[in-house]
Amino acid sequence: MELMDAIKNRRAIRKFKPDAVPPGHFDRILEAARLAPSGVNSQPWKFRVVTDQAEKKKVYEASRNQHHIDQAPAVIVICADTLSYHRGLKARFKDLLDNGVISQDDLNNMGLGTLITDDEKKELERFTVSASFNTAIATEHMALMAAELGLGTCWVHLFDKQKIAEIFGLPPWLVPVTLMPAGYADETPEPRPRKSIEEIMF
């Protein structure tokens, strides 16, 4: 499938067939995520492919009993590793500083002076948005690869992040961003309306 075909064919799927997905498909989906770009190459993402029925039931309950979570043969739990982003950002700016590309004053003027300290815990909240933004890029890579493989997916943001963290024993710096049920679609939704090129340009 050509890239543009995958982009055009991708839909938010909320009805899935019970057919199991070949394990090799998830290898390819995760490889697409692994190759995604990220700020300062921080790669601030962690994934868990949930196929175990007991675990999937807990995820279903944590997502307010959304039927497509329960129905899909697999759910990918997508998290942003805020410390990974912080470490990558610190290392990148420290490298620039050490090589004389920027000065400490430059960092201070950008409001980034604290990046070269070791006090990571204070920075967790600050980097959650940036890490989540980068993780979203990897998530769409997965959605497009799934479309190429003939699978349906759906971005799910309505869920209890704290419950997901408890289910999988996540540390505080690993923040659940989205859930992605994946499997063979049991529906063929029509394309949603899109704005024209003229409407989105300025």
N, C-alpha and C. Protein backbone atom coordinates (compact mmCIF):
# COMPACT_ATOMS: atom_id res chain seq x y z
N MET A 1 0.84 -1.19 0.00
CA MET A 1 0.00 0.00 0.00
C MET A 1 0.89 1.25 0.00
N GLU A 2 0.56 2.20 -0.84
CA GLU A 2 1.29 3.46 -0.85
C GLU A 2 0.95 4.27 0.40
N LEU A 3 1.88 5.14 0.81
CA LEU A 3 1.67 5.93 2.01
C LEU A 3 0.37 6.73 1.94
N MET A 4 0.13 7.39 0.80
CA MET A 4 -1.08 8.21 0.70
C MET A 4 -2.34 7.35 0.79
N ASP A 5 -2.27 6.11 0.31
CA ASP A 5 -3.42 5.21 0.44
C ASP A 5 -3.68 4.89 1.91
N ALA A 6 -2.61 4.64 2.66
CA ALA A 6 -2.77 4.37 4.09
C ALA A 6 -3.37 5.58 4.80
N ILE A 7 -2.91 6.77 4.42
CA ILE A 7 -3.44 8.00 5.02
C ILE A 7 -4.92 8.16 4.69
N LYS A 8 -5.28 7.91 3.44
CA LYS A 8 -6.67 8.05 3.03
C LYS A 8 -7.58 6.97 3.61
N ASN A 9 -7.04 5.76 3.78
CA ASN A 9 -7.86 4.63 4.24
C ASN A 9 -7.98 4.52 5.76
N ARG A 10 -7.10 5.17 6.48
CA ARG A 10 -7.14 5.07 7.94
C ARG A 10 -8.45 5.65 8.47
N ARG A 11 -9.07 4.92 9.37
CA ARG A 11 -10.32 5.37 10.00
C ARG A 11 -10.25 5.09 11.50
N ALA A 12 -11.06 5.78 12.27
CA ALA A 12 -11.24 5.43 13.68
C ALA A 12 -12.24 4.27 13.70
N ILE A 13 -11.75 3.09 14.06
CA ILE A 13 -12.58 1.88 14.04
C ILE A 13 -13.10 1.57 15.44
N ARG A 14 -14.40 1.36 15.53
CA ARG A 14 -15.03 1.08 16.82
C ARG A 14 -15.79 -0.24 16.82
N LYS A 15 -15.64 -1.02 15.75
CA LYS A 15 -16.21 -2.37 15.69
C LYS A 15 -15.14 -3.29 15.12
N PHE A 16 -14.81 -4.33 15.88
CA PHE A 16 -13.73 -5.24 15.47
C PHE A 16 -14.21 -6.67 15.35
N LYS A 17 -13.61 -7.40 14.42
CA LYS A 17 -13.84 -8.83 14.31
C LYS A 17 -13.03 -9.52 15.41
N PRO A 18 -13.44 -10.73 15.81
CA PRO A 18 -12.70 -11.43 16.88
C PRO A 18 -11.39 -12.06 16.40
N ASP A 19 -11.13 -12.03 15.10
CA ASP A 19 -9.94 -12.69 14.55
C ASP A 19 -8.66 -12.18 15.22
N ALA A 20 -7.79 -13.11 15.56
CA ALA A 20 -6.50 -12.73 16.17
C ALA A 20 -5.60 -12.07 15.12
N VAL A 21 -4.77 -11.18 15.58
CA VAL A 21 -3.80 -10.50 14.71
C VAL A 21 -2.49 -11.27 14.78
N PRO A 22 -1.89 -11.60 13.64
CA PRO A 22 -0.59 -12.29 13.67
C PRO A 22 0.43 -11.48 14.47
N PRO A 23 1.19 -12.15 15.36
CA PRO A 23 2.17 -11.42 16.19
C PRO A 23 3.15 -10.59 15.38
N GLY A 24 3.52 -11.06 14.20
CA GLY A 24 4.46 -10.32 13.37
C GLY A 24 3.94 -8.95 12.97
N HIS A 25 2.62 -8.81 12.92
CA HIS A 25 2.04 -7.50 12.59
C HIS A 25 2.38 -6.46 13.66
N PHE A 26 2.33 -6.89 14.92
CA PHE A 26 2.65 -5.94 15.98
C PHE A 26 4.14 -5.60 16.01
N ASP A 27 4.96 -6.55 15.57
CA ASP A 27 6.39 -6.24 15.44
C ASP A 27 6.58 -5.10 14.45
N ARG A 28 5.87 -5.15 13.34
CA ARG A 28 5.99 -4.10 12.32
C ARG A 28 5.39 -2.78 12.80
N ILE A 29 4.29 -2.86 13.51
CA ILE A 29 3.66 -1.65 14.05
C ILE A 29 4.58 -0.95 15.05
N LEU A 30 5.19 -1.73 15.94
CA LEU A 30 6.10 -1.15 16.92
C LEU A 30 7.38 -0.65 16.27
N GLU A 31 7.82 -1.31 15.21
CA GLU A 31 9.01 -0.83 14.49
C GLU A 31 8.73 0.52 13.84
N ALA A 32 7.52 0.71 13.32
CA ALA A 32 7.14 2.01 12.76
C ALA A 32 7.19 3.09 13.82
N ALA A 33 6.75 2.75 15.04
CA ALA A 33 6.82 3.72 16.15
C ALA A 33 8.26 4.00 16.54
N ARG A 34 9.07 2.95 16.57
CA ARG A 34 10.47 3.10 16.98
C ARG A 34 11.22 4.07 16.07
N LEU A 35 10.84 4.10 14.80
CA LEU A 35 11.53 4.93 13.81
C LEU A 35 10.99 6.36 13.75
N ALA A 36 10.00 6.68 14.56
CA ALA A 36 9.41 8.02 14.53
C ALA A 36 10.42 9.07 15.01
N PRO A 37 10.30 10.29 14.48
CA PRO A 37 11.17 11.36 14.95
C PRO A 37 10.73 11.89 16.31
N SER A 38 11.65 12.51 17.02
CA SER A 38 11.32 13.13 18.31
C SER A 38 12.30 14.25 18.59
N GLY A 39 11.85 15.22 19.38
CA GLY A 39 12.70 16.34 19.74
C GLY A 39 13.97 15.87 20.44
N VAL A 40 15.10 16.40 20.01
CA VAL A 40 16.44 16.02 20.48
C VAL A 40 16.63 14.50 20.53
N ASN A 41 15.93 13.80 19.66
CA ASN A 41 16.01 12.34 19.56
C ASN A 41 15.79 11.66 20.91
N SER A 42 14.89 12.22 21.70
CA SER A 42 14.65 11.69 23.05
C SER A 42 13.90 10.36 23.04
N GLN A 43 13.10 10.13 21.98
CA GLN A 43 12.32 8.88 21.85
C GLN A 43 11.56 8.58 23.15
N PRO A 44 10.74 9.54 23.61
CA PRO A 44 10.13 9.42 24.94
C PRO A 44 8.85 8.60 24.94
N TRP A 45 8.92 7.35 24.54
CA TRP A 45 7.71 6.55 24.48
C TRP A 45 7.95 5.14 25.00
N LYS A 46 6.90 4.58 25.52
CA LYS A 46 6.89 3.18 25.97
C LYS A 46 5.53 2.60 25.55
N PHE A 47 5.55 1.34 25.14
CA PHE A 47 4.33 0.70 24.65
C PHE A 47 4.14 -0.67 25.31
N ARG A 48 2.88 -1.03 25.47
CA ARG A 48 2.56 -2.39 25.89
C ARG A 48 1.40 -2.89 25.03
N VAL A 49 1.61 -4.02 24.37
CA VAL A 49 0.56 -4.64 23.57
C VAL A 49 -0.20 -5.61 24.47
N VAL A 50 -1.45 -5.29 24.74
CA VAL A 50 -2.25 -6.09 25.67
C VAL A 50 -3.15 -7.04 24.88
N THR A 51 -2.91 -8.32 25.04
CA THR A 51 -3.77 -9.34 24.41
C THR A 51 -4.37 -10.28 25.45
N ASP A 52 -3.79 -10.31 26.64
CA ASP A 52 -4.31 -11.14 27.72
C ASP A 52 -5.72 -10.65 28.11
N GLN A 53 -6.66 -11.55 28.14
CA GLN A 53 -8.05 -11.17 28.36
C GLN A 53 -8.28 -10.53 29.74
N ALA A 54 -7.60 -11.03 30.76
CA ALA A 54 -7.78 -10.47 32.10
C ALA A 54 -7.26 -9.03 32.15
N GLU A 55 -6.09 -8.81 31.54
CA GLU A 55 -5.54 -7.45 31.49
C GLU A 55 -6.41 -6.53 30.65
N LYS A 56 -6.87 -7.07 29.53
CA LYS A 56 -7.68 -6.26 28.62
C LYS A 56 -9.00 -5.85 29.29
N LYS A 57 -9.55 -6.73 30.12
CA LYS A 57 -10.79 -6.40 30.84
C LYS A 57 -10.55 -5.23 31.79
N LYS A 58 -9.40 -5.21 32.44
CA LYS A 58 -9.08 -4.10 33.35
C LYS A 58 -8.92 -2.79 32.57
N VAL A 59 -8.29 -2.88 31.39
CA VAL A 59 -8.13 -1.68 30.55
C VAL A 59 -9.50 -1.19 30.09
N TYR A 60 -10.35 -2.13 29.73
CA TYR A 60 -11.73 -1.82 29.31
C TYR A 60 -12.47 -1.06 30.41
N GLU A 61 -12.36 -1.55 31.63
CA GLU A 61 -13.04 -0.90 32.76
C GLU A 61 -12.45 0.47 33.05
N ALA A 62 -11.14 0.61 32.86
CA ALA A 62 -10.48 1.90 33.09
C ALA A 62 -10.80 2.91 31.99
N SER A 63 -11.35 2.41 30.87
CA SER A 63 -11.70 3.31 29.76
C SER A 63 -13.21 3.53 29.68
N ARG A 64 -13.86 3.44 30.84
CA ARG A 64 -15.31 3.68 30.95
C ARG A 64 -16.13 2.72 30.10
N ASN A 65 -15.66 1.49 30.04
CA ASN A 65 -16.39 0.40 29.36
C ASN A 65 -16.68 0.70 27.89
N GLN A 66 -15.74 1.30 27.20
CA GLN A 66 -15.93 1.54 25.77
C GLN A 66 -15.81 0.21 25.03
N HIS A 67 -16.86 -0.12 24.28
CA HIS A 67 -16.98 -1.47 23.75
C HIS A 67 -15.86 -1.85 22.79
N HIS A 68 -15.30 -0.89 22.06
CA HIS A 68 -14.25 -1.26 21.10
C HIS A 68 -12.95 -1.65 21.80
N ILE A 69 -12.75 -1.18 23.03
CA ILE A 69 -11.60 -1.63 23.81
C ILE A 69 -11.77 -3.11 24.17
N ASP A 70 -12.96 -3.48 24.56
CA ASP A 70 -13.25 -4.87 24.92
C ASP A 70 -13.27 -5.78 23.70
N GLN A 71 -13.75 -5.25 22.59
CA GLN A 71 -13.97 -6.06 21.39
C GLN A 71 -12.69 -6.33 20.61
N ALA A 72 -11.77 -5.38 20.58
CA ALA A 72 -10.54 -5.54 19.80
C ALA A 72 -9.69 -6.66 20.36
N PRO A 73 -9.04 -7.43 19.50
CA PRO A 73 -8.20 -8.53 19.99
C PRO A 73 -6.95 -8.05 20.72
N ALA A 74 -6.57 -6.79 20.51
CA ALA A 74 -5.40 -6.24 21.19
C ALA A 74 -5.61 -4.75 21.46
N VAL A 75 -4.99 -4.28 22.52
CA VAL A 75 -5.00 -2.85 22.84
C VAL A 75 -3.56 -2.45 23.14
N ILE A 76 -3.09 -1.41 22.46
CA ILE A 76 -1.75 -0.91 22.72
C ILE A 76 -1.86 0.23 23.73
N VAL A 77 -1.19 0.08 24.86
CA VAL A 77 -1.13 1.13 25.87
C VAL A 77 0.09 1.99 25.54
N ILE A 78 -0.13 3.27 25.30
CA ILE A 78 0.92 4.16 24.82
C ILE A 78 1.23 5.19 25.90
N CYS A 79 2.48 5.23 26.32
CA CYS A 79 2.88 6.12 27.41
C CYS A 79 4.03 7.03 26.98
N ALA A 80 4.08 8.19 27.62
CA ALA A 80 5.18 9.14 27.42
C ALA A 80 6.13 9.03 28.60
N ASP A 81 7.40 8.80 28.30
CA ASP A 81 8.43 8.72 29.33
C ASP A 81 9.02 10.11 29.51
N THR A 82 8.53 10.84 30.50
CA THR A 82 8.94 12.24 30.66
C THR A 82 10.41 12.36 31.05
N LEU A 83 10.94 11.39 31.77
CA LEU A 83 12.36 11.45 32.11
C LEU A 83 13.23 11.21 30.89
N SER A 84 12.77 10.35 29.98
CA SER A 84 13.52 10.12 28.74
C SER A 84 13.65 11.40 27.96
N TYR A 85 12.55 12.15 27.88
CA TYR A 85 12.59 13.42 27.16
C TYR A 85 13.51 14.40 27.87
N HIS A 86 13.41 14.45 29.18
CA HIS A 86 14.25 15.35 29.97
C HIS A 86 15.72 15.01 29.79
N ARG A 87 16.05 13.71 29.90
CA ARG A 87 17.45 13.31 29.76
C ARG A 87 17.98 13.65 28.38
N GLY A 88 17.17 13.37 27.34
CA GLY A 88 17.60 13.67 25.97
C GLY A 88 17.81 15.15 25.76
N LEU A 89 16.90 15.95 26.31
CA LEU A 89 17.00 17.40 26.16
C LEU A 89 18.21 17.93 26.91
N LYS A 90 18.41 17.44 28.13
CA LYS A 90 19.56 17.87 28.90
C LYS A 90 20.86 17.54 28.17
N ALA A 91 20.93 16.31 27.66
CA ALA A 91 22.16 15.88 26.99
C ALA A 91 22.43 16.71 25.75
N ARG A 92 21.37 17.02 24.99
CA ARG A 92 21.55 17.79 23.75
C ARG A 92 22.04 19.21 24.05
N PHE A 93 21.41 19.88 24.99
CA PHE A 93 21.82 21.25 25.30
C PHE A 93 23.18 21.29 26.01
N LYS A 94 23.47 20.26 26.80
CA LYS A 94 24.79 20.20 27.43
C LYS A 94 25.87 20.04 26.37
N ASP A 95 25.59 19.22 25.35
CA ASP A 95 26.52 19.04 24.24
C ASP A 95 26.76 20.37 23.52
N LEU A 96 25.67 21.10 23.25
CA LEU A 96 25.80 22.40 22.59
C LEU A 96 26.59 23.38 23.46
N LEU A 97 26.33 23.32 24.76
CA LEU A 97 27.03 24.21 25.69
C LEU A 97 28.52 23.85 25.75
N ASP A 98 28.83 22.56 25.88
CA ASP A 98 30.22 22.11 25.98
C ASP A 98 31.02 22.42 24.73
N ASN A 99 30.35 22.45 23.58
CA ASN A 99 31.04 22.70 22.32
C ASN A 99 31.02 24.17 21.90
N GLY A 100 30.54 25.03 22.80
CA GLY A 100 30.58 26.45 22.54
C GLY A 100 29.57 26.95 21.53
N VAL A 101 28.61 26.11 21.17
CA VAL A 101 27.59 26.52 20.20
C VAL A 101 26.63 27.52 20.85
N ILE A 102 26.33 27.29 22.12
CA ILE A 102 25.49 28.22 22.88
C ILE A 102 26.19 28.49 24.21
N SER A 103 25.74 29.53 24.89
CA SER A 103 26.31 29.87 26.20
C SER A 103 25.27 29.63 27.28
N GLN A 104 25.74 29.70 28.53
CA GLN A 104 24.80 29.58 29.65
C GLN A 104 23.78 30.71 29.60
N ASP A 105 24.23 31.89 29.18
CA ASP A 105 23.30 33.01 29.04
C ASP A 105 22.22 32.71 28.01
N ASP A 106 22.62 32.04 26.90
CA ASP A 106 21.63 31.65 25.88
C ASP A 106 20.57 30.76 26.51
N LEU A 107 21.01 29.77 27.28
CA LEU A 107 20.07 28.86 27.94
C LEU A 107 19.15 29.62 28.89
N ASN A 108 19.75 30.52 29.67
CA ASN A 108 18.95 31.30 30.61
C ASN A 108 17.91 32.16 29.89
N ASN A 109 18.33 32.77 28.76
CA ASN A 109 17.42 33.62 27.99
C ASN A 109 16.26 32.83 27.39
N MET A 110 16.50 31.54 27.10
CA MET A 110 15.44 30.69 26.55
C MET A 110 14.60 30.07 27.66
N GLY A 111 14.95 30.37 28.91
CA GLY A 111 14.23 29.77 30.02
C GLY A 111 14.58 28.32 30.23
N LEU A 112 15.76 27.91 29.74
CA LEU A 112 16.16 26.51 29.80
C LEU A 112 17.37 26.29 30.70
N GLY A 113 17.71 27.27 31.49
CA GLY A 113 18.89 27.15 32.31
C GLY A 113 18.88 25.94 33.23
N THR A 114 17.71 25.56 33.73
CA THR A 114 17.64 24.44 34.67
C THR A 114 17.82 23.10 33.99
N LEU A 115 17.87 23.07 32.66
CA LEU A 115 18.01 21.79 31.97
C LEU A 115 19.33 21.11 32.28
N ILE A 116 20.33 21.87 32.66
CA ILE A 116 21.63 21.25 32.88
C ILE A 116 21.89 20.98 34.36
N THR A 117 20.85 21.02 35.17
CA THR A 117 20.97 20.59 36.57
C THR A 117 20.57 19.12 36.65
N ASP A 118 20.77 18.54 37.84
CA ASP A 118 20.42 17.13 38.04
C ASP A 118 19.08 16.95 38.75
N ASP A 119 18.36 18.04 38.94
CA ASP A 119 17.11 17.97 39.69
C ASP A 119 15.96 17.59 38.75
N GLU A 120 15.93 16.33 38.31
CA GLU A 120 14.96 15.89 37.31
C GLU A 120 13.53 15.89 37.82
N LYS A 121 13.32 15.57 39.07
CA LYS A 121 11.95 15.42 39.57
C LYS A 121 11.15 16.71 39.43
N LYS A 122 11.80 17.85 39.63
CA LYS A 122 11.09 19.11 39.53
C LYS A 122 10.66 19.41 38.09
N GLU A 123 11.28 18.73 37.13
CA GLU A 123 11.00 19.01 35.73
C GLU A 123 9.92 18.11 35.15
N LEU A 124 9.44 17.11 35.90
CA LEU A 124 8.52 16.12 35.33
C LEU A 124 7.29 16.76 34.71
N GLU A 125 6.62 17.62 35.45
CA GLU A 125 5.39 18.23 34.93
C GLU A 125 5.69 19.09 33.72
N ARG A 126 6.81 19.80 33.75
CA ARG A 126 7.18 20.69 32.65
C ARG A 126 7.36 19.92 31.34
N PHE A 127 7.87 18.69 31.42
CA PHE A 127 8.18 17.95 30.21
C PHE A 127 7.08 16.99 29.77
N THR A 128 6.02 16.88 30.55
CA THR A 128 4.95 15.95 30.19
C THR A 128 4.32 16.32 28.85
N VAL A 129 4.07 17.60 28.62
CA VAL A 129 3.43 18.04 27.37
C VAL A 129 4.34 17.75 26.18
N SER A 130 5.63 18.09 26.29
CA SER A 130 6.56 17.86 25.19
C SER A 130 6.72 16.38 24.90
N ALA A 131 6.85 15.57 25.95
CA ALA A 131 7.00 14.13 25.76
C ALA A 131 5.75 13.54 25.13
N SER A 132 4.57 14.01 25.55
CA SER A 132 3.31 13.51 24.99
C SER A 132 3.18 13.90 23.52
N PHE A 133 3.59 15.12 23.20
CA PHE A 133 3.55 15.58 21.81
C PHE A 133 4.39 14.68 20.92
N ASN A 134 5.60 14.38 21.36
CA ASN A 134 6.47 13.51 20.57
C ASN A 134 5.94 12.08 20.49
N THR A 135 5.35 11.61 21.58
CA THR A 135 4.76 10.27 21.60
C THR A 135 3.61 10.17 20.61
N ALA A 136 2.88 11.28 20.42
CA ALA A 136 1.77 11.28 19.46
C ALA A 136 2.27 11.03 18.03
N ILE A 137 3.47 11.51 17.72
CA ILE A 137 4.03 11.27 16.39
C ILE A 137 4.22 9.77 16.18
N ALA A 138 4.80 9.10 17.19
CA ALA A 138 5.00 7.66 17.10
C ALA A 138 3.67 6.91 17.01
N THR A 139 2.66 7.43 17.70
CA THR A 139 1.34 6.79 17.70
C THR A 139 0.73 6.81 16.30
N GLU A 140 0.84 7.94 15.61
CA GLU A 140 0.29 8.00 14.26
C GLU A 140 1.08 7.12 13.29
N HIS A 141 2.39 6.99 13.51
CA HIS A 141 3.17 6.03 12.72
C HIS A 141 2.56 4.64 12.85
N MET A 142 2.18 4.27 14.09
CA MET A 142 1.59 2.96 14.32
C MET A 142 0.24 2.83 13.62
N ALA A 143 -0.57 3.88 13.69
CA ALA A 143 -1.89 3.84 13.05
C ALA A 143 -1.77 3.65 11.55
N LEU A 144 -0.79 4.32 10.94
CA LEU A 144 -0.61 4.21 9.48
C LEU A 144 -0.05 2.85 9.09
N MET A 145 0.87 2.32 9.89
CA MET A 145 1.39 0.98 9.61
C MET A 145 0.28 -0.06 9.75
N ALA A 146 -0.57 0.11 10.78
CA ALA A 146 -1.70 -0.80 10.95
C ALA A 146 -2.61 -0.75 9.72
N ALA A 147 -2.86 0.45 9.21
CA ALA A 147 -3.70 0.59 8.01
C ALA A 147 -3.06 -0.13 6.82
N GLU A 148 -1.74 -0.02 6.69
CA GLU A 148 -1.06 -0.71 5.60
C GLU A 148 -1.20 -2.23 5.72
N LEU A 149 -1.26 -2.72 6.96
CA LEU A 149 -1.38 -4.16 7.20
C LEU A 149 -2.83 -4.64 7.16
N GLY A 150 -3.76 -3.72 6.85
CA GLY A 150 -5.17 -4.10 6.77
C GLY A 150 -5.88 -4.13 8.11
N LEU A 151 -5.29 -3.47 9.12
CA LEU A 151 -5.89 -3.46 10.45
C LEU A 151 -6.55 -2.12 10.73
N GLY A 152 -7.51 -2.13 11.62
CA GLY A 152 -8.14 -0.91 12.07
C GLY A 152 -7.63 -0.53 13.45
N THR A 153 -7.62 0.74 13.73
CA THR A 153 -7.21 1.25 15.04
C THR A 153 -8.10 2.42 15.43
N CYS A 154 -7.94 2.86 16.65
CA CYS A 154 -8.67 4.05 17.11
C CYS A 154 -7.87 4.69 18.25
N TRP A 155 -7.68 6.00 18.17
CA TRP A 155 -7.07 6.72 19.28
C TRP A 155 -8.13 6.88 20.36
N VAL A 156 -7.84 6.44 21.57
CA VAL A 156 -8.78 6.55 22.68
C VAL A 156 -8.15 7.40 23.78
N HIS A 157 -8.77 8.55 24.06
CA HIS A 157 -8.24 9.45 25.08
C HIS A 157 -9.12 9.48 26.33
N LEU A 158 -10.32 8.92 26.24
CA LEU A 158 -11.24 8.92 27.38
C LEU A 158 -10.98 7.69 28.24
N PHE A 159 -10.10 7.85 29.21
CA PHE A 159 -9.81 6.75 30.13
C PHE A 159 -9.18 7.33 31.40
N ASP A 160 -9.16 6.52 32.44
CA ASP A 160 -8.62 6.92 33.72
C ASP A 160 -7.12 6.63 33.74
N LYS A 161 -6.31 7.66 33.62
CA LYS A 161 -4.86 7.48 33.55
C LYS A 161 -4.30 6.85 34.82
N GLN A 162 -4.85 7.25 35.95
CA GLN A 162 -4.36 6.71 37.21
C GLN A 162 -4.62 5.21 37.31
N LYS A 163 -5.80 4.78 36.85
CA LYS A 163 -6.11 3.35 36.89
C LYS A 163 -5.21 2.56 35.96
N ILE A 164 -4.94 3.12 34.76
CA ILE A 164 -4.03 2.44 33.83
C ILE A 164 -2.65 2.32 34.46
N ALA A 165 -2.20 3.40 35.11
CA ALA A 165 -0.89 3.37 35.78
C ALA A 165 -0.86 2.30 36.86
N GLU A 166 -1.97 2.15 37.59
CA GLU A 166 -2.03 1.14 38.66
C GLU A 166 -2.05 -0.28 38.09
N ILE A 167 -2.79 -0.47 37.00
CA ILE A 167 -2.89 -1.80 36.39
C ILE A 167 -1.51 -2.33 36.01
N PHE A 168 -0.69 -1.45 35.44
CA PHE A 168 0.61 -1.89 34.92
C PHE A 168 1.78 -1.49 35.81
N GLY A 169 1.48 -0.95 36.98
CA GLY A 169 2.54 -0.59 37.91
C GLY A 169 3.50 0.45 37.35
N LEU A 170 2.96 1.48 36.70
CA LEU A 170 3.81 2.47 36.05
C LEU A 170 4.40 3.44 37.07
N PRO A 171 5.66 3.81 36.89
CA PRO A 171 6.26 4.84 37.75
C PRO A 171 5.68 6.21 37.40
N PRO A 172 5.82 7.20 38.27
CA PRO A 172 5.16 8.50 38.03
C PRO A 172 5.64 9.24 36.78
N TRP A 173 6.85 8.94 36.31
CA TRP A 173 7.34 9.64 35.12
C TRP A 173 6.87 8.99 33.81
N LEU A 174 6.18 7.84 33.91
CA LEU A 174 5.66 7.17 32.72
C LEU A 174 4.17 7.46 32.64
N VAL A 175 3.79 8.39 31.75
CA VAL A 175 2.43 8.94 31.72
C VAL A 175 1.62 8.32 30.59
N PRO A 176 0.49 7.65 30.88
CA PRO A 176 -0.37 7.13 29.81
C PRO A 176 -0.90 8.27 28.95
N VAL A 177 -0.73 8.15 27.64
CA VAL A 177 -1.15 9.20 26.71
C VAL A 177 -2.41 8.81 25.96
N THR A 178 -2.43 7.60 25.45
CA THR A 178 -3.61 7.14 24.69
C THR A 178 -3.65 5.62 24.69
N LEU A 179 -4.81 5.08 24.40
CA LEU A 179 -4.99 3.65 24.20
C LEU A 179 -5.33 3.44 22.73
N MET A 180 -4.83 2.37 22.15
CA MET A 180 -5.11 2.12 20.74
C MET A 180 -5.58 0.67 20.54
N PRO A 181 -6.91 0.44 20.53
CA PRO A 181 -7.39 -0.89 20.16
C PRO A 181 -7.01 -1.17 18.71
N ALA A 182 -6.65 -2.40 18.43
CA ALA A 182 -6.20 -2.77 17.08
C ALA A 182 -6.71 -4.15 16.72
N GLY A 183 -7.13 -4.28 15.47
CA GLY A 183 -7.61 -5.57 14.98
C GLY A 183 -8.23 -5.40 13.61
N TYR A 184 -8.86 -6.46 13.14
CA TYR A 184 -9.51 -6.39 11.83
C TYR A 184 -10.88 -5.72 11.97
N ALA A 185 -11.10 -4.71 11.17
CA ALA A 185 -12.32 -3.91 11.28
C ALA A 185 -13.55 -4.70 10.90
N ASP A 186 -14.63 -4.47 11.64
CA ASP A 186 -15.92 -5.07 11.32
C ASP A 186 -16.90 -3.97 10.90
N GLU A 187 -16.35 -2.91 10.33
CA GLU A 187 -17.14 -1.81 9.80
C GLU A 187 -16.29 -1.08 8.77
N THR A 188 -16.96 -0.35 7.90
CA THR A 188 -16.25 0.45 6.90
C THR A 188 -16.80 1.86 6.94
N PRO A 189 -16.32 2.66 7.88
CA PRO A 189 -16.85 4.03 7.99
C PRO A 189 -16.52 4.87 6.77
N GLU A 190 -17.44 5.72 6.41
CA GLU A 190 -17.19 6.68 5.33
C GLU A 190 -16.16 7.71 5.81
N PRO A 191 -15.39 8.27 4.89
CA PRO A 191 -14.43 9.30 5.31
C PRO A 191 -15.12 10.50 5.93
N ARG A 192 -14.54 11.02 6.97
CA ARG A 192 -15.09 12.21 7.63
C ARG A 192 -14.76 13.44 6.79
N PRO A 193 -15.60 14.45 6.82
CA PRO A 193 -15.33 15.64 6.02
C PRO A 193 -14.04 16.33 6.46
N ARG A 194 -13.32 16.85 5.49
CA ARG A 194 -12.08 17.57 5.77
C ARG A 194 -12.15 18.96 5.16
N LYS A 195 -11.49 19.91 5.80
CA LYS A 195 -11.44 21.26 5.28
C LYS A 195 -10.62 21.27 4.00
N SER A 196 -10.88 22.26 3.16
CA SER A 196 -10.12 22.38 1.91
C SER A 196 -8.72 22.92 2.21
N ILE A 197 -7.83 22.79 1.23
CA ILE A 197 -6.47 23.32 1.37
C ILE A 197 -6.54 24.84 1.65
N GLU A 198 -7.45 25.51 0.97
CA GLU A 198 -7.57 26.96 1.14
C GLU A 198 -7.94 27.34 2.58
N GLU A 199 -8.75 26.48 3.22
CA GLU A 199 -9.20 26.77 4.58
C GLU A 199 -8.10 26.57 5.62
N ILE A 200 -7.11 25.73 5.30
CA ILE A 200 -6.09 25.45 6.30
C ILE A 200 -4.78 26.19 6.03
N MET A 201 -4.77 27.00 4.98
CA MET A 201 -3.57 27.80 4.69
C MET A 201 -3.78 29.24 5.12
N PHE A 202 -2.71 29.88 5.50
CA PHE A 202 -2.79 31.32 5.79
C PHE A 202 -1.50 31.99 5.33
